[in-house]
Amino acid sequence: MIKAIRRLLTLAVLSVLFFVSQAQPVNIEREKKEILPDRQAAKPYKLLTYGRQITIKSTKDIKDIMLWTTGGNRVVEQKEINNSYYVLDIPVNQKTFFLMIGLSDGKIYTEKIGLRE
C-alpha cells in the first residue's frame, strides 16, 4: 500500500514539474536576426569569374580587396581602389580561395570562392 502511494505521489510530482517547466515561446523573427544577421540582407556586390580572373561589381565604391588561399597564403592585396568595378587576375594555380572586400562605407565582406578550370 505504501509503495502504491509513493508511486502515485512520484507520478503527481513529475506531472507538475512537466507542466511548470515548459519552454518560453519562441520569437522566430528575433532568432533569425540573432543567428544569421548577414544572410538576411543582400550583398551590395556581385562576383563574376572567368578562368583565372575575378570581376567584382559593386553598388558602392570598393576600398580594399584581399585574396588568399585556403592554406593562408596571401595572393592579392589591393588598397585604395575607390571604384565600383574591379578585375583581378589570379597568379597561382589553385581552385579554392577566400576573398575579402572592404567597401567605402566601412563594411567588410568575406566569402569562400571556388574556380573551375
C-alpha atoms as a PDB file:
ATOM      1  CA  MET A   1       0.000   0.000   0.000  1.00  0.00           C
ATOM      2  CA  ILE A   2       2.821   2.407   0.860  1.00  0.00           C
ATOM      3  CA  LYS A   3       4.577   1.580  -2.425  1.00  0.00           C
ATOM      4  CA  ALA A   4       1.427   2.430  -4.374  1.00  0.00           C
ATOM      5  CA  ILE A   5       1.079   5.782  -2.571  1.00  0.00           C
ATOM      6  CA  ARG A   6       4.753   6.533  -3.138  1.00  0.00           C
ATOM      7  CA  ARG A   7       4.392   5.761  -6.872  1.00  0.00           C
ATOM      8  CA  LEU A   8       1.269   7.888  -7.102  1.00  0.00           C
ATOM      9  CA  LEU A   9       2.988  10.780  -5.312  1.00  0.00           C
ATOM     10  CA  THR A  10       6.054  10.460  -7.594  1.00  0.00           C
ATOM     11  CA  LEU A  11       3.818  10.483 -10.666  1.00  0.00           C
ATOM     12  CA  ALA A  12       1.998  13.606  -9.408  1.00  0.00           C
ATOM     13  CA  VAL A  13       5.273  15.443  -8.719  1.00  0.00           C
ATOM     14  CA  LEU A  14       6.671  14.579 -12.145  1.00  0.00           C
ATOM     15  CA  SER A  15       3.440  15.713 -13.832  1.00  0.00           C
ATOM     16  CA  VAL A  16       3.531  19.061 -12.018  1.00  0.00           C
ATOM     17  CA  LEU A  17       7.211  19.542 -12.931  1.00  0.00           C
ATOM     18  CA  PHE A  18       6.432  18.773 -16.562  1.00  0.00           C
ATOM     19  CA  PHE A  19       3.775  21.495 -16.801  1.00  0.00           C
ATOM     20  CA  VAL A  20       5.752  24.055 -14.792  1.00  0.00           C
ATOM     21  CA  SER A  21       8.970  23.636 -16.777  1.00  0.00           C
ATOM     22  CA  GLN A  22       7.520  24.375 -20.224  1.00  0.00           C
ATOM     23  CA  ALA A  23       9.807  26.359 -22.528  1.00  0.00           C
ATOM     24  CA  GLN A  24       9.285  30.017 -23.267  1.00  0.00           C
ATOM     25  CA  PRO A  25       7.513  30.865 -26.507  1.00  0.00           C
ATOM     26  CA  VAL A  26       9.933  31.270 -29.399  1.00  0.00           C
ATOM     27  CA  ASN A  27      10.086  34.519 -31.331  1.00  0.00           C
ATOM     28  CA  ILE A  28      11.239  33.185 -34.700  1.00  0.00           C
ATOM     29  CA  GLU A  29      11.930  36.587 -36.279  1.00  0.00           C
ATOM     30  CA  ARG A  30      14.215  37.671 -33.429  1.00  0.00           C
ATOM     31  CA  GLU A  31      16.015  34.343 -33.513  1.00  0.00           C
ATOM     32  CA  LYS A  32      16.707  34.624 -37.254  1.00  0.00           C
ATOM     33  CA  LYS A  33      18.175  38.096 -36.842  1.00  0.00           C
ATOM     34  CA  GLU A  34      20.422  36.987 -33.979  1.00  0.00           C
ATOM     35  CA  ILE A  35      21.715  33.846 -35.681  1.00  0.00           C
ATOM     36  CA  LEU A  36      22.045  34.984 -39.304  1.00  0.00           C
ATOM     37  CA  PRO A  37      22.131  38.784 -39.471  1.00  0.00           C
ATOM     38  CA  ASP A  38      24.287  38.970 -42.625  1.00  0.00           C
ATOM     39  CA  ARG A  39      22.317  36.428 -44.631  1.00  0.00           C
ATOM     40  CA  GLN A  40      19.136  38.480 -44.294  1.00  0.00           C
ATOM     41  CA  ALA A  41      20.449  41.379 -46.360  1.00  0.00           C
ATOM     42  CA  ALA A  42      21.598  41.094 -49.957  1.00  0.00           C
ATOM     43  CA  LYS A  43      25.269  41.654 -50.663  1.00  0.00           C
ATOM     44  CA  PRO A  44      25.992  45.011 -52.328  1.00  0.00           C
ATOM     45  CA  TYR A  45      28.330  43.377 -54.857  1.00  0.00           C
ATOM     46  CA  LYS A  46      28.449  40.616 -57.456  1.00  0.00           C
ATOM     47  CA  LEU A  47      31.307  38.294 -58.328  1.00  0.00           C
ATOM     48  CA  LEU A  48      31.882  37.068 -61.855  1.00  0.00           C
ATOM     49  CA  THR A  49      34.584  34.516 -62.573  1.00  0.00           C
ATOM     50  CA  TYR A  50      36.054  33.567 -65.895  1.00  0.00           C
ATOM     51  CA  GLY A  51      39.045  31.250 -65.877  1.00  0.00           C
ATOM     52  CA  ARG A  52      41.658  32.718 -63.531  1.00  0.00           C
ATOM     53  CA  GLN A  53      40.014  36.158 -63.482  1.00  0.00           C
ATOM     54  CA  ILE A  54      37.527  37.576 -60.960  1.00  0.00           C
ATOM     55  CA  THR A  55      35.404  40.624 -61.721  1.00  0.00           C
ATOM     56  CA  ILE A  56      33.759  42.467 -58.830  1.00  0.00           C
ATOM     57  CA  LYS A  57      30.862  44.848 -59.480  1.00  0.00           C
ATOM     58  CA  SER A  58      29.543  46.787 -56.518  1.00  0.00           C
ATOM     59  CA  THR A  59      26.795  49.289 -55.824  1.00  0.00           C
ATOM     60  CA  LYS A  60      29.219  51.147 -53.531  1.00  0.00           C
ATOM     61  CA  ASP A  61      32.852  52.048 -54.088  1.00  0.00           C
ATOM     62  CA  ILE A  62      35.328  49.263 -53.327  1.00  0.00           C
ATOM     63  CA  LYS A  63      38.073  50.373 -50.979  1.00  0.00           C
ATOM     64  CA  ASP A  64      40.185  47.228 -50.385  1.00  0.00           C
ATOM     65  CA  ILE A  65      40.407  43.721 -51.805  1.00  0.00           C
ATOM     66  CA  MET A  66      42.379  40.803 -50.436  1.00  0.00           C
ATOM     67  CA  LEU A  67      42.541  37.261 -51.831  1.00  0.00           C
ATOM     68  CA  TRP A  68      44.260  34.374 -50.091  1.00  0.00           C
ATOM     69  CA  THR A  69      44.452  30.612 -50.479  1.00  0.00           C
ATOM     70  CA  THR A  70      42.847  28.120 -48.134  1.00  0.00           C
ATOM     71  CA  GLY A  71      46.359  27.441 -46.837  1.00  0.00           C
ATOM     72  CA  GLY A  72      46.620  31.055 -45.661  1.00  0.00           C
ATOM     73  CA  ASN A  73      48.966  32.428 -48.338  1.00  0.00           C
ATOM     74  CA  ARG A  74      48.055  35.936 -49.448  1.00  0.00           C
ATOM     75  CA  VAL A  75      47.766  36.077 -53.227  1.00  0.00           C
ATOM     76  CA  VAL A  76      46.403  39.561 -53.993  1.00  0.00           C
ATOM     77  CA  GLU A  77      46.113  42.657 -51.817  1.00  0.00           C
ATOM     78  CA  GLN A  78      44.921  45.891 -53.363  1.00  0.00           C
ATOM     79  CA  LYS A  79      44.200  49.024 -51.315  1.00  0.00           C
ATOM     80  CA  GLU A  80      42.596  52.378 -52.123  1.00  0.00           C
ATOM     81  CA  ILE A  81      40.750  51.177 -55.230  1.00  0.00           C
ATOM     82  CA  ASN A  82      37.906  53.729 -54.896  1.00  0.00           C
ATOM     83  CA  ASN A  83      35.926  52.351 -57.821  1.00  0.00           C
ATOM     84  CA  SER A  84      32.725  50.304 -58.056  1.00  0.00           C
ATOM     85  CA  TYR A  85      34.267  47.890 -60.598  1.00  0.00           C
ATOM     86  CA  TYR A  86      37.457  45.868 -60.257  1.00  0.00           C
ATOM     87  CA  VAL A  87      39.059  42.989 -62.166  1.00  0.00           C
ATOM     88  CA  LEU A  88      41.779  40.864 -60.601  1.00  0.00           C
ATOM     89  CA  ASP A  89      43.884  38.129 -62.167  1.00  0.00           C
ATOM     90  CA  ILE A  90      44.862  35.170 -60.001  1.00  0.00           C
ATOM     91  CA  PRO A  91      48.575  34.380 -60.376  1.00  0.00           C
ATOM     92  CA  VAL A  92      48.552  30.994 -58.594  1.00  0.00           C
ATOM     93  CA  ASN A  93      47.156  27.661 -59.716  1.00  0.00           C
ATOM     94  CA  GLN A  94      44.633  26.745 -57.009  1.00  0.00           C
ATOM     95  CA  LYS A  95      40.896  26.169 -57.064  1.00  0.00           C
ATOM     96  CA  THR A  96      39.674  27.490 -53.703  1.00  0.00           C
ATOM     97  CA  PHE A  97      40.252  30.944 -52.225  1.00  0.00           C
ATOM     98  CA  PHE A  98      38.978  33.358 -49.614  1.00  0.00           C
ATOM     99  CA  LEU A  99      38.046  36.842 -50.777  1.00  0.00           C
ATOM    100  CA  MET A 100      37.693  39.934 -48.596  1.00  0.00           C
ATOM    101  CA  ILE A 101      36.038  43.048 -49.967  1.00  0.00           C
ATOM    102  CA  GLY A 102      36.118  46.301 -47.996  1.00  0.00           C
ATOM    103  CA  LEU A 103      33.655  48.956 -49.136  1.00  0.00           C
ATOM    104  CA  SER A 104      33.820  52.715 -48.783  1.00  0.00           C
ATOM    105  CA  ASP A 105      31.118  52.714 -46.083  1.00  0.00           C
ATOM    106  CA  GLY A 106      33.419  50.686 -43.809  1.00  0.00           C
ATOM    107  CA  LYS A 107      31.676  47.319 -44.167  1.00  0.00           C
ATOM    108  CA  ILE A 108      33.809  44.280 -44.873  1.00  0.00           C
ATOM    109  CA  TYR A 109      32.540  41.148 -46.612  1.00  0.00           C
ATOM    110  CA  THR A 110      34.347  37.825 -46.822  1.00  0.00           C
ATOM    111  CA  GLU A 111      33.472  34.679 -48.662  1.00  0.00           C
ATOM    112  CA  LYS A 112      34.947  31.455 -49.888  1.00  0.00           C
ATOM    113  CA  ILE A 113      35.036  31.076 -53.651  1.00  0.00           C
ATOM    114  CA  GLY A 114      35.973  28.258 -55.966  1.00  0.00           C
ATOM    115  CA  LEU A 115      37.217  28.374 -59.528  1.00  0.00           C
ATOM    116  CA  ARG A 116      36.677  25.812 -62.259  1.00  0.00           C
ATOM    117  CA  GLU A 117      39.321  25.094 -64.818  1.00  0.00           C
END
